[in-house]
């Protein structure tokens, strides 16, 4: 498989005010629950993005930043308790090689063996797993179009994203921003709702 040419990202030109990707790229072309061809969608994704948002729980709030810089994917989650008390920060980074191999750069909390060659990335780092499958020529054929807080997303079944793994005990399908590929939520077919690691309304996604 010929890997598509890397885009050159001129960060200086973008500056601090990187333009938010237009919502016009969103829901117009897809109806919710449509099956969409992933190859076309993934091929259109830029080589850089940043998504920021929050996820609130009864006793704490997570401030989440998800980013891509070419082959490097990162998630940073800052947890604040009531009264904005700092409860800790999770900062994880992975890299995808040309052959689709995923390797941890920092922040792996699994066993050393799993961290050495982790193909079962879930949560906000799932984009790296999907890009890895694409580079191996194993990209799932289709995903499901959905709408998350007014943003068009495509959700990929967990089993399709991890074809070599045992089925997850609780199925949560990662949902990727259509324009960039950033994971912004997870959909539960069992409850027919967005649950778990899903950004609250008001999240932003920016690209080059």
N, C-alpha and C. Protein backbone atom coordinates (compact mmCIF):
# COMPACT_ATOMS: atom_id res chain seq x y z
N UNK A 1 0.84 -1.18 0.00
CA UNK A 1 0.00 0.00 0.00
C UNK A 1 0.88 1.24 0.00
N UNK A 2 0.56 2.14 -0.84
CA UNK A 2 1.34 3.37 -0.91
C UNK A 2 0.80 4.35 0.10
N UNK A 3 1.65 4.76 0.98
CA UNK A 3 1.22 5.68 2.00
C UNK A 3 1.05 7.07 1.41
N UNK A 4 -0.07 7.69 1.76
CA UNK A 4 -0.29 9.00 1.18
C UNK A 4 0.74 9.99 1.69
N UNK A 5 1.07 10.92 0.86
CA UNK A 5 2.13 11.87 1.14
C UNK A 5 1.82 12.69 2.38
N UNK A 6 2.82 12.83 3.22
CA UNK A 6 2.63 13.61 4.43
C UNK A 6 2.42 15.09 4.09
N UNK A 7 1.52 15.67 4.82
CA UNK A 7 1.29 17.10 4.62
C UNK A 7 2.31 17.88 5.44
N UNK A 8 2.79 18.98 4.88
CA UNK A 8 3.70 19.85 5.60
C UNK A 8 2.89 20.82 6.42
N UNK A 9 3.10 20.82 7.72
CA UNK A 9 2.32 21.65 8.62
C UNK A 9 3.13 22.89 9.00
N UNK A 10 2.70 24.04 8.54
CA UNK A 10 3.40 25.29 8.83
C UNK A 10 2.83 25.90 10.10
N UNK A 11 3.36 25.48 11.24
CA UNK A 11 2.81 25.92 12.50
C UNK A 11 2.93 27.43 12.68
N UNK A 12 4.01 27.98 12.19
CA UNK A 12 4.18 29.41 12.36
C UNK A 12 3.09 30.18 11.63
N UNK A 13 2.69 29.67 10.49
CA UNK A 13 1.65 30.35 9.72
C UNK A 13 0.31 30.25 10.41
N UNK A 14 0.08 29.11 11.12
CA UNK A 14 -1.20 28.95 11.79
C UNK A 14 -1.29 29.85 13.01
N UNK A 15 -0.17 29.97 13.74
CA UNK A 15 -0.17 30.80 14.94
C UNK A 15 -1.11 30.24 15.99
N UNK A 16 -1.36 31.07 17.01
CA UNK A 16 -2.22 30.62 18.09
C UNK A 16 -3.67 30.55 17.66
N UNK A 17 -4.02 31.22 16.59
CA UNK A 17 -5.41 31.24 16.17
C UNK A 17 -5.69 30.29 15.04
N UNK A 18 -5.27 29.04 15.17
CA UNK A 18 -5.56 28.05 14.12
C UNK A 18 -7.05 28.03 13.84
N UNK A 19 -7.38 28.00 12.58
CA UNK A 19 -8.77 28.15 12.18
C UNK A 19 -9.57 26.91 12.53
N UNK A 20 -10.69 27.09 13.20
CA UNK A 20 -11.56 25.96 13.51
C UNK A 20 -12.12 25.40 12.22
N UNK A 21 -12.11 24.08 12.14
CA UNK A 21 -12.62 23.45 10.93
C UNK A 21 -14.11 23.73 10.80
N UNK A 22 -14.52 24.09 9.61
CA UNK A 22 -15.89 24.56 9.40
C UNK A 22 -16.90 23.47 9.68
N UNK A 23 -17.96 23.86 10.35
CA UNK A 23 -19.01 22.89 10.62
C UNK A 23 -19.74 22.52 9.35
N UNK A 24 -19.52 23.27 8.29
CA UNK A 24 -20.16 22.93 7.03
C UNK A 24 -19.70 21.59 6.52
N UNK A 25 -18.51 21.15 6.99
CA UNK A 25 -18.02 19.85 6.56
C UNK A 25 -18.81 18.77 7.27
N UNK A 26 -19.72 19.15 8.15
CA UNK A 26 -20.37 18.15 8.98
C UNK A 26 -21.58 17.50 8.35
N UNK A 27 -22.70 17.61 8.96
CA UNK A 27 -23.78 16.66 8.75
C UNK A 27 -24.42 16.63 7.37
N UNK A 28 -24.16 17.61 6.52
CA UNK A 28 -24.92 17.69 5.28
C UNK A 28 -24.80 16.46 4.39
N UNK A 29 -23.61 15.87 4.28
CA UNK A 29 -23.41 14.79 3.32
C UNK A 29 -23.85 13.43 3.86
N UNK A 30 -23.96 13.29 5.15
CA UNK A 30 -24.32 12.00 5.73
C UNK A 30 -25.60 12.12 6.53
N UNK A 31 -26.40 11.10 6.47
CA UNK A 31 -27.54 10.99 7.38
C UNK A 31 -27.11 10.09 8.53
N UNK A 32 -27.63 10.38 9.73
CA UNK A 32 -27.30 9.57 10.89
C UNK A 32 -27.64 8.11 10.64
N UNK A 33 -26.75 7.24 11.05
CA UNK A 33 -26.86 5.78 10.89
C UNK A 33 -26.49 5.29 9.50
N UNK A 34 -26.10 6.18 8.57
CA UNK A 34 -25.60 5.74 7.27
C UNK A 34 -24.31 4.95 7.46
N UNK A 35 -24.11 3.93 6.64
CA UNK A 35 -22.82 3.25 6.57
C UNK A 35 -21.97 4.01 5.57
N UNK A 36 -20.75 4.37 5.96
CA UNK A 36 -19.90 5.18 5.10
C UNK A 36 -18.57 4.47 4.87
N UNK A 37 -18.00 4.67 3.71
CA UNK A 37 -16.75 4.03 3.34
C UNK A 37 -15.58 4.72 4.06
N UNK A 38 -14.87 3.96 4.88
CA UNK A 38 -13.81 4.55 5.70
C UNK A 38 -12.59 4.98 4.88
N UNK A 39 -12.27 4.27 3.82
CA UNK A 39 -11.06 4.60 3.06
C UNK A 39 -11.09 6.04 2.57
N UNK A 40 -12.24 6.48 2.07
CA UNK A 40 -12.37 7.84 1.58
C UNK A 40 -12.24 8.84 2.71
N UNK A 41 -12.85 8.53 3.85
CA UNK A 41 -12.82 9.44 4.99
C UNK A 41 -11.40 9.56 5.54
N UNK A 42 -10.75 8.44 5.79
CA UNK A 42 -9.41 8.45 6.39
C UNK A 42 -8.41 9.13 5.46
N UNK A 43 -8.55 8.93 4.15
CA UNK A 43 -7.63 9.55 3.20
C UNK A 43 -7.72 11.07 3.21
N UNK A 44 -8.85 11.61 3.67
CA UNK A 44 -9.05 13.07 3.66
C UNK A 44 -8.54 13.74 4.93
N UNK A 45 -8.16 12.96 5.95
CA UNK A 45 -7.76 13.55 7.22
C UNK A 45 -6.41 14.26 7.11
N UNK A 46 -6.29 15.43 7.74
CA UNK A 46 -5.00 16.13 7.75
C UNK A 46 -4.02 15.42 8.68
N UNK A 47 -2.76 15.79 8.59
CA UNK A 47 -1.72 15.17 9.41
C UNK A 47 -1.54 15.86 10.75
N UNK A 48 -2.45 16.78 11.09
CA UNK A 48 -2.37 17.45 12.40
C UNK A 48 -3.76 17.91 12.80
N UNK A 49 -4.04 17.82 14.08
CA UNK A 49 -5.29 18.36 14.63
C UNK A 49 -5.12 18.56 16.13
N UNK A 50 -6.07 19.27 16.71
CA UNK A 50 -6.16 19.35 18.16
C UNK A 50 -7.63 19.48 18.54
N UNK A 51 -8.06 18.63 19.45
CA UNK A 51 -9.42 18.70 19.98
C UNK A 51 -9.33 18.95 21.48
N UNK A 52 -10.12 19.88 21.95
CA UNK A 52 -10.13 20.19 23.39
C UNK A 52 -11.56 20.22 23.88
N UNK A 53 -11.75 19.75 25.10
CA UNK A 53 -13.09 19.75 25.67
C UNK A 53 -13.06 19.27 27.10
N UNK A 54 -14.25 19.04 27.62
CA UNK A 54 -14.39 18.64 29.01
C UNK A 54 -15.31 17.44 29.12
N UNK A 55 -15.16 16.74 30.23
CA UNK A 55 -16.05 15.64 30.58
C UNK A 55 -16.31 15.75 32.08
N UNK A 56 -17.55 15.98 32.45
CA UNK A 56 -17.88 16.24 33.85
C UNK A 56 -18.48 15.01 34.52
N UNK A 57 -18.02 14.75 35.72
CA UNK A 57 -18.55 13.70 36.58
C UNK A 57 -19.07 14.37 37.86
N UNK A 58 -19.82 13.66 38.68
CA UNK A 58 -20.39 14.31 39.88
C UNK A 58 -19.35 14.96 40.80
N UNK A 59 -18.17 14.34 40.95
CA UNK A 59 -17.19 14.86 41.91
C UNK A 59 -15.93 15.44 41.27
N UNK A 60 -15.83 15.38 39.96
CA UNK A 60 -14.63 15.92 39.32
C UNK A 60 -14.93 16.24 37.86
N UNK A 61 -14.00 16.99 37.26
CA UNK A 61 -14.12 17.37 35.85
C UNK A 61 -12.80 17.05 35.16
N UNK A 62 -12.88 16.48 33.97
CA UNK A 62 -11.69 16.19 33.18
C UNK A 62 -11.56 17.24 32.06
N UNK A 63 -10.41 17.87 31.99
CA UNK A 63 -10.08 18.77 30.89
C UNK A 63 -9.20 17.99 29.93
N UNK A 64 -9.68 17.80 28.70
CA UNK A 64 -9.07 16.85 27.78
C UNK A 64 -8.56 17.55 26.54
N UNK A 65 -7.33 17.23 26.16
CA UNK A 65 -6.74 17.73 24.91
C UNK A 65 -6.20 16.54 24.13
N UNK A 66 -6.68 16.39 22.90
CA UNK A 66 -6.27 15.29 22.03
C UNK A 66 -5.61 15.90 20.81
N UNK A 67 -4.43 15.41 20.42
CA UNK A 67 -3.75 16.03 19.29
C UNK A 67 -3.02 15.01 18.42
N UNK A 68 -2.77 15.44 17.19
CA UNK A 68 -1.95 14.66 16.27
C UNK A 68 -0.93 15.59 15.63
N UNK A 69 0.30 15.13 15.53
CA UNK A 69 1.34 15.84 14.80
C UNK A 69 2.02 14.81 13.90
N UNK A 70 1.51 14.68 12.68
CA UNK A 70 1.98 13.70 11.71
C UNK A 70 1.80 12.28 12.27
N UNK A 71 2.88 11.60 12.63
CA UNK A 71 2.78 10.21 13.09
C UNK A 71 2.60 10.09 14.60
N UNK A 72 2.57 11.21 15.31
CA UNK A 72 2.53 11.20 16.77
C UNK A 72 1.14 11.62 17.27
N UNK A 73 0.60 10.82 18.18
CA UNK A 73 -0.74 11.05 18.72
C UNK A 73 -0.64 11.19 20.24
N UNK A 74 -1.34 12.19 20.78
CA UNK A 74 -1.19 12.47 22.20
C UNK A 74 -2.55 12.78 22.83
N UNK A 75 -2.73 12.36 24.07
CA UNK A 75 -3.89 12.76 24.86
C UNK A 75 -3.40 13.23 26.23
N UNK A 76 -3.93 14.36 26.65
CA UNK A 76 -3.60 14.91 27.97
C UNK A 76 -4.91 15.14 28.70
N UNK A 77 -5.06 14.54 29.87
CA UNK A 77 -6.28 14.67 30.67
C UNK A 77 -5.91 15.21 32.05
N UNK A 78 -6.41 16.40 32.34
CA UNK A 78 -6.18 17.03 33.64
C UNK A 78 -7.46 16.90 34.45
N UNK A 79 -7.35 16.30 35.63
CA UNK A 79 -8.53 16.05 36.46
C UNK A 79 -8.58 17.07 37.59
N UNK A 80 -9.71 17.76 37.69
CA UNK A 80 -9.91 18.76 38.74
C UNK A 80 -11.11 18.37 39.59
N UNK A 81 -10.92 18.38 40.91
CA UNK A 81 -12.00 18.07 41.83
C UNK A 81 -12.83 19.32 42.14
N UNK A 82 -13.73 19.17 43.07
CA UNK A 82 -14.55 20.30 43.46
C UNK A 82 -13.67 21.44 43.98
N UNK A 83 -14.00 22.65 43.57
CA UNK A 83 -13.15 23.78 43.95
C UNK A 83 -11.89 23.86 43.13
N UNK A 84 -11.85 23.16 42.00
CA UNK A 84 -10.69 23.15 41.10
C UNK A 84 -9.43 22.58 41.74
N UNK A 85 -9.60 21.66 42.66
CA UNK A 85 -8.45 21.00 43.28
C UNK A 85 -7.82 20.05 42.27
N UNK A 86 -6.52 20.16 42.08
CA UNK A 86 -5.82 19.30 41.12
C UNK A 86 -5.77 17.87 41.64
N UNK A 87 -6.27 16.94 40.84
CA UNK A 87 -6.30 15.53 41.23
C UNK A 87 -5.36 14.67 40.41
N UNK A 88 -4.63 15.29 39.49
CA UNK A 88 -3.68 14.52 38.69
C UNK A 88 -3.85 14.75 37.21
N UNK A 89 -2.80 14.39 36.47
CA UNK A 89 -2.80 14.57 35.02
C UNK A 89 -2.29 13.29 34.35
N UNK A 90 -2.99 12.86 33.33
CA UNK A 90 -2.56 11.73 32.51
C UNK A 90 -2.08 12.29 31.18
N UNK A 91 -0.87 11.94 30.80
CA UNK A 91 -0.29 12.43 29.55
C UNK A 91 0.31 11.25 28.81
N UNK A 92 -0.31 10.86 27.69
CA UNK A 92 0.12 9.67 26.96
C UNK A 92 0.36 10.00 25.50
N UNK A 93 1.42 9.41 24.94
CA UNK A 93 1.80 9.66 23.55
C UNK A 93 2.19 8.36 22.87
N UNK A 94 1.69 8.17 21.63
CA UNK A 94 2.08 7.01 20.84
C UNK A 94 2.50 7.49 19.45
N UNK A 95 3.22 6.62 18.75
CA UNK A 95 3.66 6.94 17.39
C UNK A 95 3.33 5.76 16.48
N UNK A 96 2.93 6.06 15.25
CA UNK A 96 2.62 5.03 14.27
C UNK A 96 3.69 5.03 13.19
N UNK A 97 4.33 3.89 12.98
CA UNK A 97 5.38 3.77 11.97
C UNK A 97 4.77 3.61 10.58
N UNK A 98 5.64 3.71 9.57
CA UNK A 98 5.17 3.58 8.18
C UNK A 98 4.50 2.24 7.93
N UNK A 99 4.93 1.19 8.64
CA UNK A 99 4.35 -0.14 8.43
C UNK A 99 3.11 -0.38 9.29
N UNK A 100 2.66 0.66 10.00
CA UNK A 100 1.46 0.56 10.81
C UNK A 100 1.69 0.14 12.25
N UNK A 101 2.94 -0.17 12.61
CA UNK A 101 3.25 -0.55 13.98
C UNK A 101 3.06 0.63 14.92
N UNK A 102 2.38 0.40 16.04
CA UNK A 102 2.15 1.44 17.04
C UNK A 102 3.13 1.24 18.20
N UNK A 103 3.81 2.30 18.58
CA UNK A 103 4.72 2.21 19.73
C UNK A 103 4.45 3.36 20.69
N UNK A 104 4.64 3.07 21.96
CA UNK A 104 4.43 4.09 22.99
C UNK A 104 5.66 4.98 23.10
N UNK A 105 5.41 6.27 23.19
CA UNK A 105 6.48 7.23 23.46
C UNK A 105 6.54 7.52 24.95
N UNK A 106 5.37 7.70 25.56
CA UNK A 106 5.31 7.96 27.00
C UNK A 106 3.90 7.69 27.50
N UNK A 107 3.81 7.42 28.80
CA UNK A 107 2.51 7.33 29.45
C UNK A 107 1.81 6.00 29.39
N UNK A 108 2.47 4.94 28.95
CA UNK A 108 1.82 3.63 28.90
C UNK A 108 1.69 3.08 30.32
N UNK A 109 0.48 2.69 30.68
CA UNK A 109 0.24 2.16 32.03
C UNK A 109 0.02 0.64 32.02
N UNK A 110 0.26 0.00 30.87
CA UNK A 110 0.08 -1.44 30.77
C UNK A 110 1.39 -2.15 31.10
N UNK A 111 1.42 -3.46 30.90
CA UNK A 111 2.64 -4.22 31.15
C UNK A 111 3.70 -3.86 30.10
N UNK A 112 4.99 -4.05 30.41
CA UNK A 112 6.04 -3.75 29.43
C UNK A 112 5.83 -4.47 28.10
N UNK A 113 5.33 -5.72 28.14
CA UNK A 113 5.11 -6.47 26.90
C UNK A 113 4.05 -5.80 26.04
N UNK A 114 2.96 -5.37 26.65
CA UNK A 114 1.90 -4.71 25.89
C UNK A 114 2.35 -3.34 25.40
N UNK A 115 3.12 -2.65 26.22
CA UNK A 115 3.59 -1.32 25.81
C UNK A 115 4.56 -1.40 24.64
N UNK A 116 5.26 -2.53 24.52
CA UNK A 116 6.25 -2.67 23.45
C UNK A 116 5.61 -2.72 22.08
N UNK A 117 4.41 -3.27 21.99
CA UNK A 117 3.74 -3.41 20.69
C UNK A 117 2.25 -3.44 20.94
N UNK A 118 1.67 -2.29 21.19
CA UNK A 118 0.28 -2.20 21.62
C UNK A 118 -0.61 -1.89 20.43
N UNK A 119 -1.34 -2.88 19.97
CA UNK A 119 -2.25 -2.66 18.85
C UNK A 119 -3.69 -2.52 19.31
N UNK A 120 -3.90 -2.49 20.62
CA UNK A 120 -5.26 -2.47 21.14
C UNK A 120 -5.59 -1.12 21.80
N UNK A 121 -5.14 -0.05 21.17
CA UNK A 121 -5.41 1.27 21.72
C UNK A 121 -6.90 1.56 21.70
N UNK A 122 -7.40 1.99 22.83
CA UNK A 122 -8.79 2.39 22.93
C UNK A 122 -8.84 3.79 23.52
N UNK A 123 -10.03 4.35 23.62
CA UNK A 123 -10.15 5.70 24.16
C UNK A 123 -9.72 6.75 23.14
N UNK A 124 -9.19 7.85 23.64
CA UNK A 124 -8.88 8.99 22.78
C UNK A 124 -7.67 8.77 21.88
N UNK A 125 -6.93 7.68 22.09
CA UNK A 125 -5.79 7.36 21.21
C UNK A 125 -6.18 6.40 20.09
N UNK A 126 -7.45 6.11 19.96
CA UNK A 126 -7.89 5.11 18.97
C UNK A 126 -7.58 5.53 17.54
N UNK A 127 -7.40 6.82 17.27
CA UNK A 127 -7.05 7.24 15.91
C UNK A 127 -5.75 6.58 15.46
N UNK A 128 -4.79 6.45 16.38
CA UNK A 128 -3.52 5.81 16.03
C UNK A 128 -3.73 4.37 15.60
N UNK A 129 -4.64 3.67 16.27
CA UNK A 129 -4.93 2.28 15.89
C UNK A 129 -5.55 2.22 14.50
N UNK A 130 -6.44 3.16 14.19
CA UNK A 130 -7.09 3.15 12.88
C UNK A 130 -6.10 3.50 11.78
N UNK A 131 -5.25 4.49 12.03
CA UNK A 131 -4.22 4.85 11.05
C UNK A 131 -3.27 3.68 10.83
N UNK A 132 -2.94 2.95 11.91
CA UNK A 132 -2.08 1.78 11.78
C UNK A 132 -2.69 0.73 10.88
N UNK A 133 -3.98 0.45 11.06
CA UNK A 133 -4.67 -0.52 10.19
C UNK A 133 -4.66 -0.06 8.74
N UNK A 134 -4.85 1.24 8.53
CA UNK A 134 -4.84 1.79 7.17
C UNK A 134 -3.50 1.53 6.51
N UNK A 135 -2.41 1.76 7.21
CA UNK A 135 -1.08 1.58 6.64
C UNK A 135 -0.74 0.11 6.41
N UNK A 136 -1.44 -0.78 7.12
CA UNK A 136 -1.24 -2.22 6.91
C UNK A 136 -2.17 -2.78 5.84
N UNK A 137 -3.02 -1.93 5.27
CA UNK A 137 -3.99 -2.42 4.30
C UNK A 137 -5.13 -3.20 4.93
N UNK A 138 -5.41 -2.94 6.22
CA UNK A 138 -6.44 -3.68 6.94
C UNK A 138 -7.55 -2.76 7.46
N UNK A 139 -7.70 -1.63 6.84
CA UNK A 139 -8.71 -0.68 7.30
C UNK A 139 -10.10 -1.31 7.19
N UNK A 140 -10.92 -1.17 8.25
CA UNK A 140 -12.30 -1.66 8.13
C UNK A 140 -13.01 -1.01 6.94
N UNK A 141 -13.91 -1.73 6.32
CA UNK A 141 -14.56 -1.21 5.12
C UNK A 141 -15.45 -0.02 5.39
N UNK A 142 -16.22 -0.07 6.47
CA UNK A 142 -17.19 0.99 6.72
C UNK A 142 -17.26 1.36 8.20
N UNK A 143 -17.81 2.53 8.44
CA UNK A 143 -18.17 2.98 9.78
C UNK A 143 -19.59 3.50 9.74
N UNK A 144 -20.06 3.99 10.88
CA UNK A 144 -21.43 4.48 10.97
C UNK A 144 -21.44 5.98 11.20
N UNK A 145 -22.17 6.71 10.39
CA UNK A 145 -22.28 8.16 10.54
C UNK A 145 -23.19 8.49 11.72
N UNK A 146 -22.71 9.39 12.57
CA UNK A 146 -23.52 9.85 13.69
C UNK A 146 -23.28 11.34 13.87
N UNK A 147 -24.08 11.94 14.74
CA UNK A 147 -23.93 13.37 15.05
C UNK A 147 -23.70 13.50 16.55
N UNK A 148 -22.60 14.16 16.92
CA UNK A 148 -22.28 14.39 18.34
C UNK A 148 -22.28 15.88 18.60
N UNK A 149 -23.29 16.35 19.30
CA UNK A 149 -23.40 17.77 19.65
C UNK A 149 -23.27 18.68 18.42
N UNK A 150 -23.82 18.25 17.29
CA UNK A 150 -23.76 19.06 16.09
C UNK A 150 -22.54 18.85 15.22
N UNK A 151 -21.66 17.94 15.62
CA UNK A 151 -20.46 17.63 14.83
C UNK A 151 -20.63 16.27 14.16
N UNK A 152 -20.35 16.21 12.87
CA UNK A 152 -20.44 14.94 12.14
C UNK A 152 -19.27 14.04 12.53
N UNK A 153 -19.58 12.83 12.94
CA UNK A 153 -18.55 11.86 13.32
C UNK A 153 -18.83 10.55 12.59
N UNK A 154 -17.80 9.72 12.52
CA UNK A 154 -17.96 8.37 12.01
C UNK A 154 -17.48 7.42 13.10
N UNK A 155 -18.34 6.49 13.49
CA UNK A 155 -18.04 5.56 14.57
C UNK A 155 -17.64 4.21 13.98
N UNK A 156 -16.60 3.62 14.55
CA UNK A 156 -16.08 2.34 14.06
C UNK A 156 -16.28 1.29 15.14
N UNK A 157 -16.85 0.17 14.78
CA UNK A 157 -17.08 -0.90 15.75
C UNK A 157 -15.78 -1.33 16.40
N UNK A 158 -15.81 -1.53 17.70
CA UNK A 158 -14.61 -1.91 18.44
C UNK A 158 -13.98 -3.17 17.86
N UNK A 159 -14.81 -4.14 17.48
CA UNK A 159 -14.28 -5.39 16.93
C UNK A 159 -13.58 -5.17 15.60
N UNK A 160 -14.06 -4.19 14.80
CA UNK A 160 -13.41 -3.89 13.53
C UNK A 160 -12.09 -3.15 13.74
N UNK A 161 -12.03 -2.34 14.79
CA UNK A 161 -10.81 -1.60 15.08
C UNK A 161 -9.73 -2.51 15.66
N UNK A 162 -10.15 -3.58 16.33
CA UNK A 162 -9.21 -4.52 16.96
C UNK A 162 -9.50 -5.93 16.49
N UNK A 163 -9.24 -6.21 15.21
CA UNK A 163 -9.62 -7.52 14.65
C UNK A 163 -8.87 -8.70 15.25
N UNK A 164 -7.73 -8.45 15.86
CA UNK A 164 -6.93 -9.56 16.41
C UNK A 164 -7.16 -9.77 17.91
N UNK A 165 -8.02 -8.96 18.50
CA UNK A 165 -8.22 -9.02 19.95
C UNK A 165 -9.52 -9.74 20.30
N UNK A 166 -9.58 -10.23 21.53
CA UNK A 166 -10.84 -10.80 22.01
C UNK A 166 -11.87 -9.69 22.13
N UNK A 167 -13.14 -10.00 21.95
CA UNK A 167 -14.17 -8.96 22.05
C UNK A 167 -14.13 -8.25 23.40
N UNK A 168 -14.38 -6.95 23.39
CA UNK A 168 -14.39 -6.19 24.63
C UNK A 168 -15.57 -6.63 25.50
N UNK A 169 -15.37 -6.61 26.81
CA UNK A 169 -16.44 -6.99 27.73
C UNK A 169 -17.63 -6.05 27.57
N UNK A 170 -17.33 -4.77 27.50
CA UNK A 170 -18.36 -3.76 27.24
C UNK A 170 -18.00 -3.07 25.94
N UNK A 171 -18.85 -3.16 24.94
CA UNK A 171 -18.54 -2.59 23.63
C UNK A 171 -18.78 -1.09 23.61
N UNK A 172 -17.72 -0.33 23.35
CA UNK A 172 -17.81 1.11 23.14
C UNK A 172 -17.08 1.41 21.83
N UNK A 173 -17.79 1.95 20.86
CA UNK A 173 -17.21 2.23 19.56
C UNK A 173 -16.67 3.65 19.50
N UNK A 174 -15.36 3.84 19.22
CA UNK A 174 -14.82 5.19 19.12
C UNK A 174 -15.42 5.94 17.94
N UNK A 175 -15.65 7.22 18.13
CA UNK A 175 -16.25 8.05 17.09
C UNK A 175 -15.29 9.18 16.74
N UNK A 176 -14.95 9.26 15.45
CA UNK A 176 -13.92 10.15 14.95
C UNK A 176 -14.54 11.37 14.27
N UNK A 177 -14.04 12.55 14.62
CA UNK A 177 -14.46 13.75 13.91
C UNK A 177 -14.24 13.54 12.43
N UNK A 178 -15.28 13.76 11.64
CA UNK A 178 -15.20 13.46 10.22
C UNK A 178 -14.09 14.25 9.52
N UNK A 179 -13.90 15.50 9.89
CA UNK A 179 -12.97 16.36 9.16
C UNK A 179 -11.51 16.09 9.49
N UNK A 180 -11.22 15.61 10.72
CA UNK A 180 -9.82 15.49 11.15
C UNK A 180 -9.41 14.09 11.58
N UNK A 181 -10.34 13.30 12.09
CA UNK A 181 -10.00 11.99 12.64
C UNK A 181 -9.81 11.99 14.14
N UNK A 182 -9.95 13.14 14.79
CA UNK A 182 -9.81 13.18 16.25
C UNK A 182 -10.95 12.41 16.91
N UNK A 183 -10.61 11.58 17.90
CA UNK A 183 -11.64 10.90 18.67
C UNK A 183 -12.30 11.92 19.61
N UNK A 184 -13.62 12.07 19.49
CA UNK A 184 -14.33 13.03 20.33
C UNK A 184 -15.41 12.36 21.17
N UNK A 185 -15.64 11.07 20.96
CA UNK A 185 -16.64 10.40 21.75
C UNK A 185 -16.65 8.90 21.54
N UNK A 186 -17.48 8.22 22.30
CA UNK A 186 -17.65 6.77 22.19
C UNK A 186 -19.14 6.46 22.24
N UNK A 187 -19.55 5.55 21.36
CA UNK A 187 -20.96 5.21 21.23
C UNK A 187 -21.20 3.79 21.72
N UNK A 188 -22.26 3.63 22.51
CA UNK A 188 -22.63 2.31 23.02
C UNK A 188 -23.83 1.79 22.24
N UNK A 189 -23.62 0.77 21.37
CA UNK A 189 -24.77 0.19 20.66
C UNK A 189 -25.79 -0.41 21.62
N UNK A 190 -25.32 -0.90 22.78
CA UNK A 190 -26.22 -1.51 23.74
C UNK A 190 -27.22 -0.53 24.33
N UNK A 191 -26.76 0.69 24.61
CA UNK A 191 -27.65 1.70 25.18
C UNK A 191 -28.10 2.72 24.15
N UNK A 192 -27.58 2.61 22.91
CA UNK A 192 -27.95 3.52 21.83
C UNK A 192 -27.70 4.97 22.23
N UNK A 193 -26.48 5.21 22.76
CA UNK A 193 -26.16 6.55 23.24
C UNK A 193 -24.64 6.74 23.29
N UNK A 194 -24.22 8.00 23.30
CA UNK A 194 -22.82 8.32 23.53
C UNK A 194 -22.56 8.24 25.02
N UNK A 195 -21.52 7.52 25.41
CA UNK A 195 -21.21 7.31 26.82
C UNK A 195 -19.69 7.34 27.00
N UNK A 196 -19.26 7.08 28.23
CA UNK A 196 -17.83 6.92 28.50
C UNK A 196 -17.00 8.11 28.12
N UNK A 197 -15.91 7.84 27.43
CA UNK A 197 -14.96 8.90 27.06
C UNK A 197 -15.51 9.72 25.90
N UNK A 198 -16.43 10.61 26.23
CA UNK A 198 -17.10 11.46 25.25
C UNK A 198 -17.04 12.90 25.70
N UNK A 199 -16.62 13.80 24.81
CA UNK A 199 -16.52 15.21 25.17
C UNK A 199 -17.91 15.83 25.28
N UNK A 200 -18.05 16.72 26.24
CA UNK A 200 -19.32 17.40 26.47
C UNK A 200 -19.57 18.45 25.38
N UNK A 201 -20.79 18.94 25.26
CA UNK A 201 -21.06 20.01 24.30
C UNK A 201 -20.13 21.19 24.51
N UNK A 202 -19.71 21.81 23.39
CA UNK A 202 -18.81 22.96 23.48
C UNK A 202 -17.37 22.61 23.15
N UNK A 203 -17.06 21.34 22.85
CA UNK A 203 -15.69 21.00 22.50
C UNK A 203 -15.31 21.65 21.16
N UNK A 204 -14.01 21.81 20.94
CA UNK A 204 -13.54 22.41 19.68
C UNK A 204 -12.55 21.47 19.02
N UNK A 205 -12.54 21.48 17.70
CA UNK A 205 -11.56 20.73 16.92
C UNK A 205 -10.93 21.70 15.94
N UNK A 206 -9.60 21.77 15.94
CA UNK A 206 -8.90 22.65 15.00
C UNK A 206 -7.89 21.85 14.19
N UNK A 207 -7.57 22.36 13.01
CA UNK A 207 -6.60 21.70 12.15
C UNK A 207 -5.71 22.71 11.50
N UNK A 208 -4.80 22.26 10.64
CA UNK A 208 -3.86 23.18 10.01
C UNK A 208 -4.55 24.11 9.01
